[in-house]
Amino acid sequence: MNLINNKYMNQETVERIIDETVDTIIDSIDEKTVDYMFEYGNYEETDNQFLEDLKIFKTEVVKELYNRINNK
């Protein structure tokens, strides 16, 4: 899909910007979720339970982001 069609950037550049932005957001979600789990939860280490909970938290964060973006 050609999202931007102008003289300032080609489709490859558009795709790179999107990809880099998504990677940055995912990294930030991972980092902040882990930080908040240790800060507010009762976790002392990244054991199997922590990793299972992290997966659930990340799924819920993405759902919430989707809802907030689409309800503006």
Protein backbone atom coordinates (compact mmCIF):
# COMPACT_ATOMS: atom_id res chain seq x y z
CA MET A 1 0.00 0.00 0.00
CA ASN A 2 1.38 3.36 -0.99
CA LEU A 3 0.70 5.53 2.04
CA ILE A 4 2.53 8.67 1.03
CA ASN A 5 2.90 9.75 -2.55
CA ASN A 6 4.99 12.85 -2.84
CA LYS A 7 8.39 14.12 -3.88
CA TYR A 8 9.85 14.06 -0.34
CA MET A 9 10.11 10.32 0.17
CA ASN A 10 9.63 7.07 -1.65
CA GLN A 11 7.70 4.02 -0.45
CA GLU A 12 10.84 2.34 0.88
CA THR A 13 11.49 5.34 3.11
CA VAL A 14 7.89 5.33 4.32
CA GLU A 15 8.13 1.64 5.21
CA ARG A 16 11.42 2.17 7.02
CA ILE A 17 9.97 5.02 9.09
CA ILE A 18 6.98 2.86 10.04
CA ASP A 19 9.17 -0.16 10.86
CA GLU A 20 11.61 1.84 12.98
CA THR A 21 8.77 3.56 14.83
CA VAL A 22 7.05 0.25 15.59
CA ASP A 23 10.33 -1.29 16.80
CA THR A 24 10.92 1.68 19.10
CA ILE A 25 7.39 1.50 20.52
CA ILE A 26 7.67 -2.25 21.14
CA ASP A 27 11.03 -1.82 22.88
CA SER A 28 9.57 0.92 25.04
CA ILE A 29 6.51 -1.17 25.94
CA ASP A 30 8.75 -4.09 26.92
CA GLU A 31 11.06 -1.92 29.01
CA LYS A 32 8.35 0.08 30.78
CA THR A 33 6.18 -2.96 31.47
CA VAL A 34 9.09 -4.76 33.14
CA ASP A 35 9.96 -1.61 35.12
CA TYR A 36 6.38 -1.19 36.36
CA MET A 37 6.01 -4.88 37.18
CA PHE A 38 9.03 -4.68 39.49
CA GLU A 39 8.00 -1.29 40.89
CA TYR A 40 4.35 -2.08 41.65
CA GLY A 41 4.27 -5.87 41.77
CA ASN A 42 5.77 -8.34 44.19
CA TYR A 43 8.37 -9.69 41.80
CA GLU A 44 11.95 -10.29 42.90
CA GLU A 45 13.27 -12.04 39.82
CA THR A 46 12.37 -12.82 36.22
CA ASP A 47 11.23 -16.39 36.77
CA ASN A 48 8.70 -18.36 34.72
CA GLN A 49 5.73 -16.73 36.48
CA PHE A 50 7.14 -13.28 35.79
CA LEU A 51 7.54 -14.11 32.09
CA GLU A 52 3.98 -15.49 31.88
CA ASP A 53 2.62 -12.37 33.57
CA LEU A 54 4.73 -10.14 31.31
CA LYS A 55 3.19 -11.74 28.24
CA ILE A 56 -0.30 -11.07 29.60
CA PHE A 57 0.55 -7.48 30.51
CA LYS A 58 1.99 -6.77 27.06
CA THR A 59 -1.10 -8.22 25.39
CA GLU A 60 -3.36 -6.06 27.53
CA VAL A 61 -1.24 -2.95 26.92
CA VAL A 62 -1.49 -3.43 23.15
CA LYS A 63 -5.27 -3.93 23.41
CA GLU A 64 -5.57 -0.74 25.45
CA LEU A 65 -3.42 1.19 22.97
CA TYR A 66 -5.58 -0.06 20.10
CA ASN A 67 -8.76 0.99 21.93
CA ARG A 68 -7.45 4.44 22.79
CA ILE A 69 -6.16 5.09 19.28
CA ASN A 70 -9.42 4.02 17.66
CA ASN A 71 -11.70 5.85 20.06
CA LYS A 72 -10.29 9.33 19.45
